[in-house]
PDB file of N, CA and C in Angstrom:
ATOM      1  N   MET A   1      83.857 -54.710 -33.989  1.00  0.00           N
ATOM      2  CA  MET A   1      84.600 -53.499 -33.757  1.00  0.00           C
ATOM      3  C   MET A   1      86.050 -53.892 -33.511  1.00  0.00           C
ATOM      4  N   PRO A   2      86.973 -53.281 -34.208  1.00  0.00           N
ATOM      5  CA  PRO A   2      88.387 -53.629 -34.000  1.00  0.00           C
ATOM      6  C   PRO A   2      88.886 -53.081 -32.668  1.00  0.00           C
ATOM      7  N   PRO A   3      89.937 -53.674 -32.116  1.00  0.00           N
ATOM      8  CA  PRO A   3      90.504 -53.157 -30.872  1.00  0.00           C
ATOM      9  C   PRO A   3      91.131 -51.784 -31.105  1.00  0.00           C
ATOM     10  N   PHE A   4      91.168 -50.993 -30.077  1.00  0.00           N
ATOM     11  CA  PHE A   4      91.758 -49.663 -30.153  1.00  0.00           C
ATOM     12  C   PHE A   4      92.970 -49.583 -29.240  1.00  0.00           C
ATOM     13  N   ALA A   5      93.983 -48.870 -29.673  1.00  0.00           N
ATOM     14  CA  ALA A   5      95.161 -48.619 -28.840  1.00  0.00           C
ATOM     15  C   ALA A   5      95.044 -47.203 -28.292  1.00  0.00           C
ATOM     16  N   LEU A   6      94.283 -47.060 -27.210  1.00  0.00           N
ATOM     17  CA  LEU A   6      94.056 -45.741 -26.621  1.00  0.00           C
ATOM     18  C   LEU A   6      94.909 -45.551 -25.382  1.00  0.00           C
ATOM     19  N   GLN A   7      95.344 -44.328 -25.168  1.00  0.00           N
ATOM     20  CA  GLN A   7      96.072 -43.967 -23.958  1.00  0.00           C
ATOM     21  C   GLN A   7      95.066 -43.824 -22.821  1.00  0.00           C
ATOM     22  N   ARG A   8      95.533 -43.908 -21.590  1.00  0.00           N
ATOM     23  CA  ARG A   8      94.654 -43.817 -20.407  1.00  0.00           C
ATOM     24  C   ARG A   8      93.832 -42.527 -20.430  1.00  0.00           C
ATOM     25  N   GLN A   9      94.439 -41.392 -20.796  1.00  0.00           N
ATOM     26  CA  GLN A   9      93.714 -40.119 -20.857  1.00  0.00           C
ATOM     27  C   GLN A   9      92.599 -40.159 -21.888  1.00  0.00           C
ATOM     28  N   GLU A  10      92.854 -40.800 -23.014  1.00  0.00           N
ATOM     29  CA  GLU A  10      91.840 -40.910 -24.055  1.00  0.00           C
ATOM     30  C   GLU A  10      90.658 -41.764 -23.583  1.00  0.00           C
ATOM     31  N   ILE A  11      90.962 -42.844 -22.881  1.00  0.00           N
ATOM     32  CA  ILE A  11      89.900 -43.704 -22.349  1.00  0.00           C
ATOM     33  C   ILE A  11      89.078 -42.939 -21.318  1.00  0.00           C
ATOM     34  N   ASP A  12      89.750 -42.215 -20.422  1.00  0.00           N
ATOM     35  CA  ASP A  12      89.038 -41.426 -19.421  1.00  0.00           C
ATOM     36  C   ASP A  12      88.134 -40.386 -20.079  1.00  0.00           C
ATOM     37  N   GLY A  13      88.613 -39.755 -21.128  1.00  0.00           N
ATOM     38  CA  GLY A  13      87.820 -38.766 -21.854  1.00  0.00           C
ATOM     39  C   GLY A  13      86.616 -39.396 -22.528  1.00  0.00           C
ATOM     40  N   LEU A  14      86.807 -40.567 -23.107  1.00  0.00           N
ATOM     41  CA  LEU A  14      85.717 -41.278 -23.767  1.00  0.00           C
ATOM     42  C   LEU A  14      84.649 -41.685 -22.753  1.00  0.00           C
ATOM     43  N   VAL A  15      85.072 -42.210 -21.620  1.00  0.00           N
ATOM     44  CA  VAL A  15      84.129 -42.603 -20.570  1.00  0.00           C
ATOM     45  C   VAL A  15      83.363 -41.386 -20.061  1.00  0.00           C
ATOM     46  N   ALA A  16      84.059 -40.283 -19.847  1.00  0.00           N
ATOM     47  CA  ALA A  16      83.390 -39.057 -19.382  1.00  0.00           C
ATOM     48  C   ALA A  16      82.360 -38.582 -20.396  1.00  0.00           C
ATOM     49  N   TYR A  17      82.695 -38.659 -21.662  1.00  0.00           N
ATOM     50  CA  TYR A  17      81.770 -38.245 -22.719  1.00  0.00           C
ATOM     51  C   TYR A  17      80.514 -39.119 -22.721  1.00  0.00           C
ATOM     52  N   VAL A  18      80.708 -40.422 -22.641  1.00  0.00           N
ATOM     53  CA  VAL A  18      79.570 -41.340 -22.645  1.00  0.00           C
ATOM     54  C   VAL A  18      78.695 -41.104 -21.423  1.00  0.00           C
ATOM     55  N   ARG A  19      79.318 -40.945 -20.268  1.00  0.00           N
ATOM     56  CA  ARG A  19      78.544 -40.726 -19.044  1.00  0.00           C
ATOM     57  C   ARG A  19      77.840 -39.377 -19.032  1.00  0.00           C
ATOM     58  N   ALA A  20      78.320 -38.423 -19.817  1.00  0.00           N
ATOM     59  CA  ALA A  20      77.681 -37.105 -19.869  1.00  0.00           C
ATOM     60  C   ALA A  20      76.321 -37.188 -20.544  1.00  0.00           C
ATOM     61  N   GLY A  21      76.105 -38.209 -21.367  1.00  0.00           N
ATOM     62  CA  GLY A  21      74.796 -38.449 -21.957  1.00  0.00           C
ATOM     63  C   GLY A  21      74.499 -37.692 -23.230  1.00  0.00           C
ATOM     64  N   PHE A  22      75.460 -37.583 -24.128  1.00  0.00           N
ATOM     65  CA  PHE A  22      75.244 -36.924 -25.410  1.00  0.00           C
ATOM     66  C   PHE A  22      75.553 -37.882 -26.539  1.00  0.00           C
ATOM     67  N   ASP A  23      74.809 -37.754 -27.640  1.00  0.00           N
ATOM     68  CA  ASP A  23      75.125 -38.574 -28.804  1.00  0.00           C
ATOM     69  C   ASP A  23      76.169 -37.842 -29.652  1.00  0.00           C
ATOM     70  N   ARG A  24      76.521 -38.410 -30.786  1.00  0.00           N
ATOM     71  CA  ARG A  24      77.592 -37.843 -31.618  1.00  0.00           C
ATOM     72  C   ARG A  24      77.292 -36.440 -32.124  1.00  0.00           C
ATOM     73  N   SER A  25      76.014 -36.094 -32.244  1.00  0.00           N
ATOM     74  CA  SER A  25      75.660 -34.754 -32.722  1.00  0.00           C
ATOM     75  C   SER A  25      75.625 -33.731 -31.598  1.00  0.00           C
ATOM     76  N   GLY A  26      75.838 -34.174 -30.361  1.00  0.00           N
ATOM     77  CA  GLY A  26      75.812 -33.267 -29.222  1.00  0.00           C
ATOM     78  C   GLY A  26      74.445 -33.144 -28.587  1.00  0.00           C
ATOM     79  N   THR A  27      73.483 -33.943 -29.046  1.00  0.00           N
ATOM     80  CA  THR A  27      72.138 -33.924 -28.489  1.00  0.00           C
ATOM     81  C   THR A  27      72.094 -34.756 -27.212  1.00  0.00           C
ATOM     82  N   ALA A  28      71.500 -34.195 -26.165  1.00  0.00           N
ATOM     83  CA  ALA A  28      71.393 -34.917 -24.902  1.00  0.00           C
ATOM     84  C   ALA A  28      70.512 -36.148 -25.080  1.00  0.00           C
ATOM     85  N   VAL A  29      70.924 -37.249 -24.478  1.00  0.00           N
ATOM     86  CA  VAL A  29      70.143 -38.478 -24.524  1.00  0.00           C
ATOM     87  C   VAL A  29      69.832 -38.915 -23.097  1.00  0.00           C
ATOM     88  N   LYS A  30      68.768 -39.655 -22.964  1.00  0.00           N
ATOM     89  CA  LYS A  30      68.380 -40.187 -21.675  1.00  0.00           C
ATOM     90  C   LYS A  30      69.344 -41.306 -21.307  1.00  0.00           C
ATOM     91  N   LEU A  31      69.989 -41.208 -20.170  1.00  0.00           N
ATOM     92  CA  LEU A  31      70.890 -42.263 -19.722  1.00  0.00           C
ATOM     93  C   LEU A  31      70.075 -43.411 -19.145  1.00  0.00           C
ATOM     94  N   GLY A  32      70.520 -44.614 -19.382  1.00  0.00           N
ATOM     95  CA  GLY A  32      69.857 -45.770 -18.844  1.00  0.00           C
ATOM     96  C   GLY A  32      68.608 -46.176 -19.598  1.00  0.00           C
ATOM     97  N   ASP A  33      68.510 -45.821 -20.858  1.00  0.00           N
ATOM     98  CA  ASP A  33      67.356 -46.172 -21.674  1.00  0.00           C
ATOM     99  C   ASP A  33      67.598 -47.562 -22.272  1.00  0.00           C
ATOM    100  N   ALA A  34      67.009 -48.582 -21.661  1.00  0.00           N
ATOM    101  CA  ALA A  34      67.254 -49.966 -22.070  1.00  0.00           C
ATOM    102  C   ALA A  34      66.843 -50.220 -23.520  1.00  0.00           C
ATOM    103  N   GLY A  35      65.741 -49.658 -23.945  1.00  0.00           N
ATOM    104  CA  GLY A  35      65.288 -49.853 -25.325  1.00  0.00           C
ATOM    105  C   GLY A  35      66.277 -49.288 -26.319  1.00  0.00           C
ATOM    106  N   ARG A  36      66.782 -48.093 -26.032  1.00  0.00           N
ATOM    107  CA  ARG A  36      67.780 -47.479 -26.915  1.00  0.00           C
ATOM    108  C   ARG A  36      69.059 -48.319 -26.933  1.00  0.00           C
ATOM    109  N   GLY A  37      69.439 -48.813 -25.769  1.00  0.00           N
ATOM    110  CA  GLY A  37      70.628 -49.663 -25.688  1.00  0.00           C
ATOM    111  C   GLY A  37      70.493 -50.923 -26.521  1.00  0.00           C
ATOM    112  N   ARG A  38      69.317 -51.562 -26.449  1.00  0.00           N
ATOM    113  CA  ARG A  38      69.070 -52.763 -27.263  1.00  0.00           C
ATOM    114  C   ARG A  38      69.153 -52.441 -28.747  1.00  0.00           C
ATOM    115  N   THR A  39      68.593 -51.292 -29.132  1.00  0.00           N
ATOM    116  CA  THR A  39      68.615 -50.895 -30.539  1.00  0.00           C
ATOM    117  C   THR A  39      70.041 -50.694 -31.036  1.00  0.00           C
ATOM    118  N   ILE A  40      70.860 -50.025 -30.247  1.00  0.00           N
ATOM    119  CA  ILE A  40      72.258 -49.785 -30.623  1.00  0.00           C
ATOM    120  C   ILE A  40      73.035 -51.101 -30.624  1.00  0.00           C
ATOM    121  N   TYR A  41      72.828 -51.917 -29.583  1.00  0.00           N
ATOM    122  CA  TYR A  41      73.535 -53.194 -29.440  1.00  0.00           C
ATOM    123  C   TYR A  41      73.325 -54.106 -30.650  1.00  0.00           C
ATOM    124  N   SER A  42      72.071 -54.243 -31.071  1.00  0.00           N
ATOM    125  CA  SER A  42      71.793 -55.175 -32.162  1.00  0.00           C
ATOM    126  C   SER A  42      71.702 -54.498 -33.527  1.00  0.00           C
ATOM    127  N   GLY A  43      71.674 -53.171 -33.557  1.00  0.00           N
ATOM    128  CA  GLY A  43      71.541 -52.450 -34.820  1.00  0.00           C
ATOM    129  C   GLY A  43      72.830 -51.800 -35.264  1.00  0.00           C
ATOM    130  N   LYS A  44      72.800 -50.477 -35.361  1.00  0.00           N
ATOM    131  CA  LYS A  44      73.909 -49.723 -35.934  1.00  0.00           C
ATOM    132  C   LYS A  44      75.239 -49.928 -35.195  1.00  0.00           C
ATOM    133  N   GLY A  45      75.182 -50.123 -33.889  1.00  0.00           N
ATOM    134  CA  GLY A  45      76.413 -50.343 -33.118  1.00  0.00           C
ATOM    135  C   GLY A  45      77.060 -51.678 -33.405  1.00  0.00           C
ATOM    136  N   ALA A  46      76.256 -52.639 -33.848  1.00  0.00           N
ATOM    137  CA  ALA A  46      76.724 -53.989 -34.199  1.00  0.00           C
ATOM    138  C   ALA A  46      77.497 -54.675 -33.071  1.00  0.00           C
ATOM    139  N   CYS A  47      77.213 -54.295 -31.830  1.00  0.00           N
ATOM    140  CA  CYS A  47      77.886 -54.896 -30.672  1.00  0.00           C
ATOM    141  C   CYS A  47      77.643 -56.405 -30.611  1.00  0.00           C
ATOM    142  N   VAL A  48      76.443 -56.813 -31.048  1.00  0.00           N
ATOM    143  CA  VAL A  48      76.028 -58.205 -31.015  1.00  0.00           C
ATOM    144  C   VAL A  48      76.969 -59.105 -31.828  1.00  0.00           C
ATOM    145  N   THR A  49      77.685 -58.559 -32.775  1.00  0.00           N
ATOM    146  CA  THR A  49      78.579 -59.377 -33.594  1.00  0.00           C
ATOM    147  C   THR A  49      79.786 -59.885 -32.803  1.00  0.00           C
ATOM    148  N   CYS A  50      80.121 -59.232 -31.707  1.00  0.00           N
ATOM    149  CA  CYS A  50      81.266 -59.662 -30.888  1.00  0.00           C
ATOM    150  C   CYS A  50      80.902 -59.958 -29.437  1.00  0.00           C
ATOM    151  N   HIS A  51      79.882 -59.286 -28.914  1.00  0.00           N
ATOM    152  CA  HIS A  51      79.553 -59.386 -27.487  1.00  0.00           C
ATOM    153  C   HIS A  51      78.244 -60.129 -27.261  1.00  0.00           C
ATOM    154  N   ARG A  52      78.075 -60.622 -26.061  1.00  0.00           N
ATOM    155  CA  ARG A  52      76.872 -61.335 -25.646  1.00  0.00           C
ATOM    156  C   ARG A  52      76.265 -60.583 -24.469  1.00  0.00           C
ATOM    157  N   VAL A  53      74.936 -60.468 -24.472  1.00  0.00           N
ATOM    158  CA  VAL A  53      74.193 -59.889 -23.358  1.00  0.00           C
ATOM    159  C   VAL A  53      73.023 -60.811 -23.059  1.00  0.00           C
ATOM    160  N   ASN A  54      72.992 -61.325 -21.847  1.00  0.00           N
ATOM    161  CA  ASN A  54      71.906 -62.217 -21.410  1.00  0.00           C
ATOM    162  C   ASN A  54      71.627 -63.338 -22.410  1.00  0.00           C
ATOM    163  N   GLY A  55      72.687 -63.963 -22.903  1.00  0.00           N
ATOM    164  CA  GLY A  55      72.561 -65.112 -23.784  1.00  0.00           C
ATOM    165  C   GLY A  55      72.369 -64.807 -25.253  1.00  0.00           C
ATOM    166  N   THR A  56      72.329 -63.518 -25.621  1.00  0.00           N
ATOM    167  CA  THR A  56      72.145 -63.149 -27.024  1.00  0.00           C
ATOM    168  C   THR A  56      73.417 -62.518 -27.554  1.00  0.00           C
ATOM    169  N   GLY A  57      73.906 -63.027 -28.679  1.00  0.00           N
ATOM    170  CA  GLY A  57      75.082 -62.455 -29.319  1.00  0.00           C
ATOM    171  C   GLY A  57      76.230 -63.428 -29.400  1.00  0.00           C
ATOM    172  N   SER A  58      77.368 -62.896 -29.789  1.00  0.00           N
ATOM    173  CA  SER A  58      78.571 -63.685 -30.012  1.00  0.00           C
ATOM    174  C   SER A  58      79.371 -63.842 -28.722  1.00  0.00           C
ATOM    175  N   THR A  59      80.274 -64.802 -28.737  1.00  0.00           N
ATOM    176  CA  THR A  59      81.163 -65.002 -27.588  1.00  0.00           C
ATOM    177  C   THR A  59      82.590 -64.563 -27.902  1.00  0.00           C
ATOM    178  N   THR A  60      82.775 -63.844 -29.016  1.00  0.00           N
ATOM    179  CA  THR A  60      84.110 -63.384 -29.402  1.00  0.00           C
ATOM    180  C   THR A  60      84.659 -62.376 -28.398  1.00  0.00           C
ATOM    181  N   GLY A  61      83.855 -61.385 -28.040  1.00  0.00           N
ATOM    182  CA  GLY A  61      84.257 -60.355 -27.082  1.00  0.00           C
ATOM    183  C   GLY A  61      83.717 -60.669 -25.704  1.00  0.00           C
ATOM    184  N   PRO A  62      84.031 -59.815 -24.719  1.00  0.00           N
ATOM    185  CA  PRO A  62      83.550 -60.028 -23.351  1.00  0.00           C
ATOM    186  C   PRO A  62      82.021 -60.011 -23.258  1.00  0.00           C
ATOM    187  N   ASP A  63      81.496 -60.796 -22.333  1.00  0.00           N
ATOM    188  CA  ASP A  63      80.059 -60.808 -22.043  1.00  0.00           C
ATOM    189  C   ASP A  63      79.720 -59.501 -21.317  1.00  0.00           C
ATOM    190  N   LEU A  64      78.699 -58.821 -21.801  1.00  0.00           N
ATOM    191  CA  LEU A  64      78.323 -57.518 -21.250  1.00  0.00           C
ATOM    192  C   LEU A  64      77.072 -57.582 -20.379  1.00  0.00           C
ATOM    193  N   SER A  65      76.633 -58.771 -20.012  1.00  0.00           N
ATOM    194  CA  SER A  65      75.380 -58.938 -19.278  1.00  0.00           C
ATOM    195  C   SER A  65      75.332 -58.166 -17.975  1.00  0.00           C
ATOM    196  N   ASP A  66      76.446 -58.055 -17.274  1.00  0.00           N
ATOM    197  CA  ASP A  66      76.451 -57.415 -15.963  1.00  0.00           C
ATOM    198  C   ASP A  66      76.857 -55.945 -15.983  1.00  0.00           C
ATOM    199  N   VAL A  67      77.083 -55.371 -17.145  1.00  0.00           N
ATOM    200  CA  VAL A  67      77.567 -53.993 -17.215  1.00  0.00           C
ATOM    201  C   VAL A  67      76.607 -53.022 -16.540  1.00  0.00           C
ATOM    202  N   GLY A  68      75.330 -53.108 -16.819  1.00  0.00           N
ATOM    203  CA  GLY A  68      74.358 -52.210 -16.200  1.00  0.00           C
ATOM    204  C   GLY A  68      74.292 -52.389 -14.700  1.00  0.00           C
ATOM    205  N   ALA A  69      74.345 -53.635 -14.231  1.00  0.00           N
ATOM    206  CA  ALA A  69      74.297 -53.912 -12.795  1.00  0.00           C
ATOM    207  C   ALA A  69      75.538 -53.369 -12.102  1.00  0.00           C
ATOM    208  N   LEU A  70      76.696 -53.519 -12.729  1.00  0.00           N
ATOM    209  CA  LEU A  70      77.928 -53.016 -12.141  1.00  0.00           C
ATOM    210  C   LEU A  70      77.911 -51.500 -12.051  1.00  0.00           C
ATOM    211  N   ARG A  71      77.417 -50.855 -13.091  1.00  0.00           N
ATOM    212  CA  ARG A  71      77.357 -49.404 -13.090  1.00  0.00           C
ATOM    213  C   ARG A  71      76.400 -48.920 -12.007  1.00  0.00           C
ATOM    214  N   SER A  72      75.266 -49.571 -11.852  1.00  0.00           N
ATOM    215  CA  SER A  72      74.299 -49.193 -10.828  1.00  0.00           C
ATOM    216  C   SER A  72      74.893 -49.292  -9.448  1.00  0.00           C
ATOM    217  N   ARG A  73      75.597 -50.380  -9.169  1.00  0.00           N
ATOM    218  CA  ARG A  73      76.233 -50.540  -7.848  1.00  0.00           C
ATOM    219  C   ARG A  73      77.289 -49.470  -7.638  1.00  0.00           C
ATOM    220  N   SER A  74      78.060 -49.155  -8.675  1.00  0.00           N
ATOM    221  CA  SER A  74      79.093 -48.128  -8.581  1.00  0.00           C
ATOM    222  C   SER A  74      78.475 -46.771  -8.283  1.00  0.00           C
ATOM    223  N   GLU A  75      77.379 -46.438  -8.946  1.00  0.00           N
ATOM    224  CA  GLU A  75      76.719 -45.163  -8.732  1.00  0.00           C
ATOM    225  C   GLU A  75      76.115 -45.076  -7.345  1.00  0.00           C
ATOM    226  N   GLU A  76      75.640 -46.203  -6.780  1.00  0.00           N
ATOM    227  CA  GLU A  76      75.101 -46.205  -5.430  1.00  0.00           C
ATOM    228  C   GLU A  76      76.180 -45.820  -4.441  1.00  0.00           C
ATOM    229  N   HIS A  77      77.393 -46.334  -4.620  1.00  0.00           N
ATOM    230  CA  HIS A  77      78.489 -46.047  -3.706  1.00  0.00           C
ATOM    231  C   HIS A  77      78.963 -44.606  -3.819  1.00  0.00           C
ATOM    232  N   THR A  78      78.920 -44.025  -4.999  1.00  0.00           N
ATOM    233  CA  THR A  78      79.395 -42.656  -5.173  1.00  0.00           C
ATOM    234  C   THR A  78      78.364 -41.639  -4.710  1.00  0.00           C
ATOM    235  N   SER A  79      77.102 -42.052  -4.584  1.00  0.00           N
ATOM    236  CA  SER A  79      76.069 -41.108  -4.171  1.00  0.00           C
ATOM    237  C   SER A  79      75.875 -41.072  -2.666  1.00  0.00           C
ATOM    238  N   GLU A  80      76.586 -41.921  -1.931  1.00  0.00           N
ATOM    239  CA  GLU A  80      76.440 -41.953  -0.471  1.00  0.00           C
ATOM    240  C   GLU A  80      77.178 -40.819   0.186  1.00  0.00           C
TER     241      GLU A  80
END
């Protein structure tokens, strides 16, 4: 995936959209579905070509192994 030159507002909007749990067609998706994430990571999303997760994938982009753990900790703090 090529780098993007996004403004802060655009990034915030993208993050909000992803966290809302909808796919590109507007269909609600289950958040935190590890199987779906693996399918996207190694399939159509082609994330594996640049990123590594738990030792699988390329080292070109940032390692994403801790992304789920970081999000979980963040959500724990916001729910208190």
